[in-house]
Amino acid sequence: MARAPVSKTGCWGFESLLACQFKCNYQRGHAVGKVIGFLGNVRGELSKVTWPTKKDTYASTLVVIVFVFMVAVYLWGVDTILSTLIKTILSR
């Protein structure tokens, strides 16, 4: 008696996919072809990427460095104010 394929079997047909009944249909040439196809697709996608110019990269890096410096100064100021406030409250 055959069963209809369900989502658990991935619609592979009527054979059971239990580990003890798994049939190895691995074909070396098929796997190599898949890898070569994948790498070809990767190369095609990379050719579609718009890479930033050296000037854009420099400007973005400068913006990040300035922003990090500003946040560091802000956090240093808040830390100094809060620690002074806490010391004043606790010393009473």
PDB file of N, CA and C in Angstrom:
ATOM      1  N   MET A   1       0.850  -1.164   0.000  1.00  0.00           N
ATOM      2  CA  MET A   1       0.000   0.000   0.000  1.00  0.00           C
ATOM      3  C   MET A   1       0.902   1.236   0.000  1.00  0.00           C
ATOM      4  N   ALA A   2       0.670   2.153  -0.873  1.00  0.00           N
ATOM      5  CA  ALA A   2       1.482   3.358  -0.990  1.00  0.00           C
ATOM      6  C   ALA A   2       0.795   4.516  -0.290  1.00  0.00           C
ATOM      7  N   ARG A   3       1.643   5.442   0.205  1.00  0.00           N
ATOM      8  CA  ARG A   3       1.123   6.631   0.853  1.00  0.00           C
ATOM      9  C   ARG A   3       1.347   7.829  -0.060  1.00  0.00           C
ATOM     10  N   ALA A   4       0.474   8.797   0.040  1.00  0.00           N
ATOM     11  CA  ALA A   4       0.651  10.034  -0.723  1.00  0.00           C
ATOM     12  C   ALA A   4       1.762  10.845  -0.061  1.00  0.00           C
ATOM     13  N   PRO A   5       2.588  11.568  -0.824  1.00  0.00           N
ATOM     14  CA  PRO A   5       3.658  12.373  -0.234  1.00  0.00           C
ATOM     15  C   PRO A   5       3.096  13.512   0.594  1.00  0.00           C
ATOM     16  N   VAL A   6       3.755  13.777   1.699  1.00  0.00           N
ATOM     17  CA  VAL A   6       3.376  14.878   2.573  1.00  0.00           C
ATOM     18  C   VAL A   6       4.562  15.806   2.713  1.00  0.00           C
ATOM     19  N   SER A   7       4.349  16.936   3.377  1.00  0.00           N
ATOM     20  CA  SER A   7       5.416  17.928   3.497  1.00  0.00           C
ATOM     21  C   SER A   7       6.616  17.392   4.262  1.00  0.00           C
ATOM     22  N   LYS A   8       6.412  16.429   5.168  1.00  0.00           N
ATOM     23  CA  LYS A   8       7.525  15.900   5.955  1.00  0.00           C
ATOM     24  C   LYS A   8       8.497  15.116   5.087  1.00  0.00           C
ATOM     25  N   THR A   9       8.018  14.533   4.011  1.00  0.00           N
ATOM     26  CA  THR A   9       8.908  13.764   3.132  1.00  0.00           C
ATOM     27  C   THR A   9       9.437  14.632   2.010  1.00  0.00           C
ATOM     28  N   GLY A  10       9.045  15.871   1.974  1.00  0.00           N
ATOM     29  CA  GLY A  10       9.536  16.767   0.945  1.00  0.00           C
ATOM     30  C   GLY A  10       9.040  16.387  -0.430  1.00  0.00           C
ATOM     31  N   CYS A  11       7.915  15.676  -0.508  1.00  0.00           N
ATOM     32  CA  CYS A  11       7.323  15.240  -1.773  1.00  0.00           C
ATOM     33  C   CYS A  11       8.299  14.399  -2.587  1.00  0.00           C
ATOM     34  N   TRP A  12       9.072  13.572  -1.915  1.00  0.00           N
ATOM     35  CA  TRP A  12      10.031  12.707  -2.594  1.00  0.00           C
ATOM     36  C   TRP A  12       9.366  11.453  -3.134  1.00  0.00           C
ATOM     37  N   GLY A  13       8.111  11.310  -2.963  1.00  0.00           N
ATOM     38  CA  GLY A  13       7.436  10.126  -3.468  1.00  0.00           C
ATOM     39  C   GLY A  13       6.957   9.271  -2.332  1.00  0.00           C
ATOM     40  N   PHE A  14       6.921   7.969  -2.585  1.00  0.00           N
ATOM     41  CA  PHE A  14       6.302   7.056  -1.643  1.00  0.00           C
ATOM     42  C   PHE A  14       7.294   6.324  -0.757  1.00  0.00           C
ATOM     43  N   GLU A  15       8.586   6.503  -0.979  1.00  0.00           N
ATOM     44  CA  GLU A  15       9.572   5.793  -0.171  1.00  0.00           C
ATOM     45  C   GLU A  15       9.753   6.504   1.164  1.00  0.00           C
ATOM     46  N   SER A  16      10.003   5.721   2.204  1.00  0.00           N
ATOM     47  CA  SER A  16      10.219   6.279   3.523  1.00  0.00           C
ATOM     48  C   SER A  16      11.596   6.929   3.584  1.00  0.00           C
ATOM     49  N   LEU A  17      11.715   8.003   4.342  1.00  0.00           N
ATOM     50  CA  LEU A  17      12.993   8.690   4.493  1.00  0.00           C
ATOM     51  C   LEU A  17      13.592   8.467   5.875  1.00  0.00           C
ATOM     52  N   LEU A  18      13.227   7.374   6.529  1.00  0.00           N
ATOM     53  CA  LEU A  18      13.812   7.066   7.815  1.00  0.00           C
ATOM     54  C   LEU A  18      15.307   6.793   7.645  1.00  0.00           C
ATOM     55  N   ALA A  19      16.089   7.102   8.687  1.00  0.00           N
ATOM     56  CA  ALA A  19      17.534   6.981   8.592  1.00  0.00           C
ATOM     57  C   ALA A  19      17.982   5.567   8.224  1.00  0.00           C
ATOM     58  N   CYS A  20      17.313   4.549   8.758  1.00  0.00           N
ATOM     59  CA  CYS A  20      17.729   3.176   8.498  1.00  0.00           C
ATOM     60  C   CYS A  20      17.382   2.727   7.080  1.00  0.00           C
ATOM     61  N   GLN A  21      16.534   3.463   6.400  1.00  0.00           N
ATOM     62  CA  GLN A  21      16.123   3.075   5.064  1.00  0.00           C
ATOM     63  C   GLN A  21      16.632   4.041   4.003  1.00  0.00           C
ATOM     64  N   PHE A  22      17.499   4.963   4.391  1.00  0.00           N
ATOM     65  CA  PHE A  22      17.967   5.975   3.450  1.00  0.00           C
ATOM     66  C   PHE A  22      18.870   5.347   2.407  1.00  0.00           C
ATOM     67  N   LYS A  23      18.598   5.618   1.165  1.00  0.00           N
ATOM     68  CA  LYS A  23      19.419   5.125   0.066  1.00  0.00           C
ATOM     69  C   LYS A  23      20.291   6.277  -0.408  1.00  0.00           C
ATOM     70  N   CYS A  24      21.560   6.041  -0.495  1.00  0.00           N
ATOM     71  CA  CYS A  24      22.491   7.092  -0.890  1.00  0.00           C
ATOM     72  C   CYS A  24      22.513   7.198  -2.408  1.00  0.00           C
ATOM     73  N   ASN A  25      22.006   8.307  -2.915  1.00  0.00           N
ATOM     74  CA  ASN A  25      22.012   8.560  -4.347  1.00  0.00           C
ATOM     75  C   ASN A  25      23.030   9.634  -4.695  1.00  0.00           C
ATOM     76  N   TYR A  26      24.061   9.764  -3.875  1.00  0.00           N
ATOM     77  CA  TYR A  26      25.065  10.809  -4.058  1.00  0.00           C
ATOM     78  C   TYR A  26      25.864  10.523  -5.319  1.00  0.00           C
ATOM     79  N   GLN A  27      25.925  11.509  -6.171  1.00  0.00           N
ATOM     80  CA  GLN A  27      26.708  11.392  -7.392  1.00  0.00           C
ATOM     81  C   GLN A  27      27.756  12.488  -7.375  1.00  0.00           C
ATOM     82  N   ARG A  28      29.005  12.092  -7.477  1.00  0.00           N
ATOM     83  CA  ARG A  28      30.103  13.045  -7.367  1.00  0.00           C
ATOM     84  C   ARG A  28      30.019  14.129  -8.438  1.00  0.00           C
ATOM     85  N   GLY A  29      29.767  13.758  -9.643  1.00  0.00           N
ATOM     86  CA  GLY A  29      29.710  14.731 -10.728  1.00  0.00           C
ATOM     87  C   GLY A  29      28.587  15.731 -10.544  1.00  0.00           C
ATOM     88  N   HIS A  30      27.481  15.282 -10.015  1.00  0.00           N
ATOM     89  CA  HIS A  30      26.336  16.157  -9.773  1.00  0.00           C
ATOM     90  C   HIS A  30      26.684  17.210  -8.723  1.00  0.00           C
ATOM     91  N   ALA A  31      27.377  16.806  -7.650  1.00  0.00           N
ATOM     92  CA  ALA A  31      27.751  17.739  -6.587  1.00  0.00           C
ATOM     93  C   ALA A  31      28.750  18.770  -7.103  1.00  0.00           C
ATOM     94  N   VAL A  32      29.713  18.332  -7.897  1.00  0.00           N
ATOM     95  CA  VAL A  32      30.710  19.260  -8.442  1.00  0.00           C
ATOM     96  C   VAL A  32      30.029  20.262  -9.372  1.00  0.00           C
ATOM     97  N   GLY A  33      29.068  19.790 -10.150  1.00  0.00           N
ATOM     98  CA  GLY A  33      28.331  20.688 -11.039  1.00  0.00           C
ATOM     99  C   GLY A  33      27.554  21.735 -10.267  1.00  0.00           C
ATOM    100  N   LYS A  34      26.981  21.327  -9.125  1.00  0.00           N
ATOM    101  CA  LYS A  34      26.248  22.284  -8.287  1.00  0.00           C
ATOM    102  C   LYS A  34      27.181  23.355  -7.737  1.00  0.00           C
ATOM    103  N   VAL A  35      28.371  22.930  -7.287  1.00  0.00           N
ATOM    104  CA  VAL A  35      29.340  23.895  -6.732  1.00  0.00           C
ATOM    105  C   VAL A  35      29.785  24.867  -7.813  1.00  0.00           C
ATOM    106  N   ILE A  36      30.080  24.361  -8.994  1.00  0.00           N
ATOM    107  CA  ILE A  36      30.516  25.228 -10.095  1.00  0.00           C
ATOM    108  C   ILE A  36      29.402  26.204 -10.480  1.00  0.00           C
ATOM    109  N   GLY A  37      28.164  25.715 -10.513  1.00  0.00           N
ATOM    110  CA  GLY A  37      27.032  26.598 -10.804  1.00  0.00           C
ATOM    111  C   GLY A  37      26.859  27.670  -9.749  1.00  0.00           C
ATOM    112  N   PHE A  38      27.022  27.277  -8.479  1.00  0.00           N
ATOM    113  CA  PHE A  38      26.912  28.237  -7.381  1.00  0.00           C
ATOM    114  C   PHE A  38      27.973  29.322  -7.505  1.00  0.00           C
ATOM    115  N   LEU A  39      29.217  28.922  -7.758  1.00  0.00           N
ATOM    116  CA  LEU A  39      30.300  29.904  -7.881  1.00  0.00           C
ATOM    117  C   LEU A  39      30.074  30.830  -9.075  1.00  0.00           C
ATOM    118  N   GLY A  40      29.504  30.287 -10.149  1.00  0.00           N
ATOM    119  CA  GLY A  40      29.164  31.136 -11.291  1.00  0.00           C
ATOM    120  C   GLY A  40      28.112  32.170 -10.925  1.00  0.00           C
ATOM    121  N   ASN A  41      27.118  31.749 -10.138  1.00  0.00           N
ATOM    122  CA  ASN A  41      26.090  32.691  -9.686  1.00  0.00           C
ATOM    123  C   ASN A  41      26.674  33.758  -8.766  1.00  0.00           C
ATOM    124  N   VAL A  42      27.605  33.364  -7.898  1.00  0.00           N
ATOM    125  CA  VAL A  42      28.258  34.328  -6.999  1.00  0.00           C
ATOM    126  C   VAL A  42      29.007  35.369  -7.818  1.00  0.00           C
ATOM    127  N   ARG A  43      29.734  34.914  -8.827  1.00  0.00           N
ATOM    128  CA  ARG A  43      30.497  35.844  -9.669  1.00  0.00           C
ATOM    129  C   ARG A  43      29.549  36.819 -10.386  1.00  0.00           C
ATOM    130  N   GLY A  44      28.423  36.299 -10.870  1.00  0.00           N
ATOM    131  CA  GLY A  44      27.450  37.160 -11.541  1.00  0.00           C
ATOM    132  C   GLY A  44      26.864  38.203 -10.613  1.00  0.00           C
ATOM    133  N   GLU A  45      26.558  37.809  -9.374  1.00  0.00           N
ATOM    134  CA  GLU A  45      26.003  38.759  -8.411  1.00  0.00           C
ATOM    135  C   GLU A  45      27.039  39.808  -8.018  1.00  0.00           C
ATOM    136  N   LEU A  46      28.299  39.396  -7.863  1.00  0.00           N
ATOM    137  CA  LEU A  46      29.343  40.364  -7.498  1.00  0.00           C
ATOM    138  C   LEU A  46      29.570  41.388  -8.603  1.00  0.00           C
ATOM    139  N   SER A  47      29.322  41.006  -9.854  1.00  0.00           N
ATOM    140  CA  SER A  47      29.499  41.969 -10.941  1.00  0.00           C
ATOM    141  C   SER A  47      28.404  43.025 -10.930  1.00  0.00           C
ATOM    142  N   LYS A  48      27.286  42.757 -10.263  1.00  0.00           N
ATOM    143  CA  LYS A  48      26.184  43.715 -10.175  1.00  0.00           C
ATOM    144  C   LYS A  48      26.378  44.719  -9.040  1.00  0.00           C
ATOM    145  N   VAL A  49      27.326  44.471  -8.143  1.00  0.00           N
ATOM    146  CA  VAL A  49      27.528  45.328  -6.971  1.00  0.00           C
ATOM    147  C   VAL A  49      28.147  46.652  -7.400  1.00  0.00           C
ATOM    148  N   THR A  50      27.628  47.736  -6.846  1.00  0.00           N
ATOM    149  CA  THR A  50      28.224  49.048  -7.072  1.00  0.00           C
ATOM    150  C   THR A  50      29.192  49.312  -5.928  1.00  0.00           C
ATOM    151  N   TRP A  51      30.473  49.226  -6.219  1.00  0.00           N
ATOM    152  CA  TRP A  51      31.487  49.393  -5.191  1.00  0.00           C
ATOM    153  C   TRP A  51      31.750  50.875  -4.969  1.00  0.00           C
ATOM    154  N   PRO A  52      31.964  51.298  -3.703  1.00  0.00           N
ATOM    155  CA  PRO A  52      32.232  52.718  -3.431  1.00  0.00           C
ATOM    156  C   PRO A  52      33.621  53.118  -3.934  1.00  0.00           C
ATOM    157  N   THR A  53      33.739  54.389  -4.274  1.00  0.00           N
ATOM    158  CA  THR A  53      35.046  54.885  -4.704  1.00  0.00           C
ATOM    159  C   THR A  53      35.931  55.106  -3.476  1.00  0.00           C
ATOM    160  N   LYS A  54      37.183  55.363  -3.729  1.00  0.00           N
ATOM    161  CA  LYS A  54      38.120  55.618  -2.633  1.00  0.00           C
ATOM    162  C   LYS A  54      37.701  56.869  -1.864  1.00  0.00           C
ATOM    163  N   LYS A  55      37.212  57.872  -2.583  1.00  0.00           N
ATOM    164  CA  LYS A  55      36.777  59.118  -1.958  1.00  0.00           C
ATOM    165  C   LYS A  55      35.566  58.862  -1.051  1.00  0.00           C
ATOM    166  N   ASP A  56      34.602  58.062  -1.524  1.00  0.00           N
ATOM    167  CA  ASP A  56      33.417  57.733  -0.718  1.00  0.00           C
ATOM    168  C   ASP A  56      33.801  56.971   0.543  1.00  0.00           C
ATOM    169  N   THR A  57      34.713  56.023   0.394  1.00  0.00           N
ATOM    170  CA  THR A  57      35.159  55.231   1.542  1.00  0.00           C
ATOM    171  C   THR A  57      35.851  56.120   2.567  1.00  0.00           C
ATOM    172  N   TYR A  58      36.688  57.023   2.112  1.00  0.00           N
ATOM    173  CA  TYR A  58      37.392  57.941   3.008  1.00  0.00           C
ATOM    174  C   TYR A  58      36.399  58.835   3.752  1.00  0.00           C
ATOM    175  N   ALA A  59      35.422  59.371   3.017  1.00  0.00           N
ATOM    176  CA  ALA A  59      34.439  60.269   3.637  1.00  0.00           C
ATOM    177  C   ALA A  59      33.595  59.517   4.669  1.00  0.00           C
ATOM    178  N   SER A  60      33.162  58.313   4.346  1.00  0.00           N
ATOM    179  CA  SER A  60      32.358  57.529   5.290  1.00  0.00           C
ATOM    180  C   SER A  60      33.162  57.182   6.537  1.00  0.00           C
ATOM    181  N   THR A  61      34.409  56.814   6.356  1.00  0.00           N
ATOM    182  CA  THR A  61      35.267  56.479   7.487  1.00  0.00           C
ATOM    183  C   THR A  61      35.457  57.695   8.387  1.00  0.00           C
ATOM    184  N   LEU A  62      35.648  58.856   7.785  1.00  0.00           N
ATOM    185  CA  LEU A  62      35.827  60.085   8.561  1.00  0.00           C
ATOM    186  C   LEU A  62      34.563  60.411   9.364  1.00  0.00           C
ATOM    187  N   VAL A  63      33.402  60.240   8.758  1.00  0.00           N
ATOM    188  CA  VAL A  63      32.139  60.494   9.464  1.00  0.00           C
ATOM    189  C   VAL A  63      32.001  59.562  10.655  1.00  0.00           C
ATOM    190  N   VAL A  64      32.342  58.288  10.476  1.00  0.00           N
ATOM    191  CA  VAL A  64      32.237  57.317  11.571  1.00  0.00           C
ATOM    192  C   VAL A  64      33.188  57.671  12.702  1.00  0.00           C
ATOM    193  N   ILE A  65      34.420  58.043  12.375  1.00  0.00           N
ATOM    194  CA  ILE A  65      35.404  58.386  13.410  1.00  0.00           C
ATOM    195  C   ILE A  65      34.953  59.619  14.192  1.00  0.00           C
ATOM    196  N   VAL A  66      34.460  60.642  13.494  1.00  0.00           N
ATOM    197  CA  VAL A  66      33.999  61.863  14.168  1.00  0.00           C
ATOM    198  C   VAL A  66      32.801  61.550  15.069  1.00  0.00           C
ATOM    199  N   PHE A  67      31.852  60.756  14.566  1.00  0.00           N
ATOM    200  CA  PHE A  67      30.675  60.409  15.357  1.00  0.00           C
ATOM    201  C   PHE A  67      31.058  59.615  16.605  1.00  0.00           C
ATOM    202  N   VAL A  68      31.965  58.656  16.467  1.00  0.00           N
ATOM    203  CA  VAL A  68      32.410  57.862  17.618  1.00  0.00           C
ATOM    204  C   VAL A  68      33.089  58.765  18.641  1.00  0.00           C
ATOM    205  N   PHE A  69      33.894  59.716  18.189  1.00  0.00           N
ATOM    206  CA  PHE A  69      34.558  60.647  19.100  1.00  0.00           C
ATOM    207  C   PHE A  69      33.525  61.504  19.841  1.00  0.00           C
ATOM    208  N   MET A  70      32.499  61.982  19.125  1.00  0.00           N
ATOM    209  CA  MET A  70      31.474  62.800  19.766  1.00  0.00           C
ATOM    210  C   MET A  70      30.690  62.003  20.808  1.00  0.00           C
ATOM    211  N   VAL A  71      30.357  60.772  20.502  1.00  0.00           N
ATOM    212  CA  VAL A  71      29.638  59.936  21.462  1.00  0.00           C
ATOM    213  C   VAL A  71      30.519  59.648  22.670  1.00  0.00           C
ATOM    214  N   ALA A  72      31.806  59.408  22.445  1.00  0.00           N
ATOM    215  CA  ALA A  72      32.732  59.143  23.554  1.00  0.00           C
ATOM    216  C   ALA A  72      32.818  60.356  24.481  1.00  0.00           C
ATOM    217  N   VAL A  73      32.915  61.552  23.921  1.00  0.00           N
ATOM    218  CA  VAL A  73      32.984  62.772  24.738  1.00  0.00           C
ATOM    219  C   VAL A  73      31.678  62.962  25.503  1.00  0.00           C
ATOM    220  N   TYR A  74      30.555  62.723  24.859  1.00  0.00           N
ATOM    221  CA  TYR A  74      29.250  62.848  25.519  1.00  0.00           C
ATOM    222  C   TYR A  74      29.150  61.871  26.689  1.00  0.00           C
ATOM    223  N   LEU A  75      29.486  60.619  26.461  1.00  0.00           N
ATOM    224  CA  LEU A  75      29.401  59.621  27.535  1.00  0.00           C
ATOM    225  C   LEU A  75      30.382  59.927  28.660  1.00  0.00           C
ATOM    226  N   TRP A  76      31.565  60.439  28.324  1.00  0.00           N
ATOM    227  CA  TRP A  76      32.522  60.833  29.358  1.00  0.00           C
ATOM    228  C   TRP A  76      31.934  61.956  30.220  1.00  0.00           C
ATOM    229  N   GLY A  77      31.296  62.938  29.571  1.00  0.00           N
ATOM    230  CA  GLY A  77      30.692  64.050  30.314  1.00  0.00           C
ATOM    231  C   GLY A  77      29.555  63.577  31.212  1.00  0.00           C
ATOM    232  N   VAL A  78      28.673  62.722  30.697  1.00  0.00           N
ATOM    233  CA  VAL A  78      27.569  62.202  31.501  1.00  0.00           C
ATOM    234  C   VAL A  78      28.109  61.383  32.670  1.00  0.00           C
ATOM    235  N   ASP A  79      29.121  60.570  32.424  1.00  0.00           N
ATOM    236  CA  ASP A  79      29.715  59.762  33.490  1.00  0.00           C
ATOM    237  C   ASP A  79      30.333  60.646  34.568  1.00  0.00           C
ATOM    238  N   THR A  80      31.027  61.686  34.164  1.00  0.00           N
ATOM    239  CA  THR A  80      31.646  62.597  35.124  1.00  0.00           C
ATOM    240  C   THR A  80      30.580  63.297  35.975  1.00  0.00           C
ATOM    241  N   ILE A  81      29.537  63.781  35.339  1.00  0.00           N
ATOM    242  CA  ILE A  81      28.463  64.475  36.070  1.00  0.00           C
ATOM    243  C   ILE A  81      27.763  63.519  37.033  1.00  0.00           C
ATOM    244  N   LEU A  82      27.410  62.336  36.572  1.00  0.00           N
ATOM    245  CA  LEU A  82      26.708  61.389  37.434  1.00  0.00           C
ATOM    246  C   LEU A  82      27.585  60.897  38.593  1.00  0.00           C
ATOM    247  N   SER A  83      28.859  60.644  38.322  1.00  0.00           N
ATOM    248  CA  SER A  83      29.721  60.176  39.406  1.00  0.00           C
ATOM    249  C   SER A  83      29.933  61.276  40.450  1.00  0.00           C
ATOM    250  N   THR A  84      30.051  62.526  40.014  1.00  0.00           N
ATOM    251  CA  THR A  84      30.163  63.638  40.946  1.00  0.00           C
ATOM    252  C   THR A  84      28.885  63.778  41.784  1.00  0.00           C
ATOM    253  N   LEU A  85      27.757  63.662  41.131  1.00  0.00           N
ATOM    254  CA  LEU A  85      26.466  63.741  41.821  1.00  0.00           C
ATOM    255  C   LEU A  85      26.325  62.629  42.850  1.00  0.00           C
ATOM    256  N   ILE A  86      26.671  61.416  42.493  1.00  0.00           N
ATOM    257  CA  ILE A  86      26.574  60.285  43.413  1.00  0.00           C
ATOM    258  C   ILE A  86      27.520  60.472  44.603  1.00  0.00           C
ATOM    259  N   LYS A  87      28.742  60.910  44.324  1.00  0.00           N
ATOM    260  CA  LYS A  87      29.709  61.137  45.414  1.00  0.00           C
ATOM    261  C   LYS A  87      29.191  62.227  46.376  1.00  0.00           C
ATOM    262  N   THR A  88      28.578  63.260  45.801  1.00  0.00           N
ATOM    263  CA  THR A  88      28.040  64.337  46.647  1.00  0.00           C
ATOM    264  C   THR A  88      26.896  63.837  47.507  1.00  0.00           C
ATOM    265  N   ILE A  89      26.003  63.048  46.956  1.00  0.00           N
ATOM    266  CA  ILE A  89      24.871  62.519  47.705  1.00  0.00           C
ATOM    267  C   ILE A  89      25.331  61.563  48.786  1.00  0.00           C
ATOM    268  N   LEU A  90      26.267  60.700  48.485  1.00  0.00           N
ATOM    269  CA  LEU A  90      26.734  59.689  49.457  1.00  0.00           C
ATOM    270  C   LEU A  90      27.646  60.277  50.533  1.00  0.00           C
ATOM    271  N   SER A  91      28.277  61.416  50.283  1.00  0.00           N
ATOM    272  CA  SER A  91      29.187  61.986  51.283  1.00  0.00           C
ATOM    273  C   SER A  91      28.443  62.779  52.357  1.00  0.00           C
ATOM    274  N   ARG A  92      27.179  63.024  52.214  1.00  0.00           N
ATOM    275  CA  ARG A  92      26.419  63.783  53.218  1.00  0.00           C
ATOM    276  C   ARG A  92      26.202  63.010  54.444  1.00  0.00           C
TER     277      ARG A  92
END
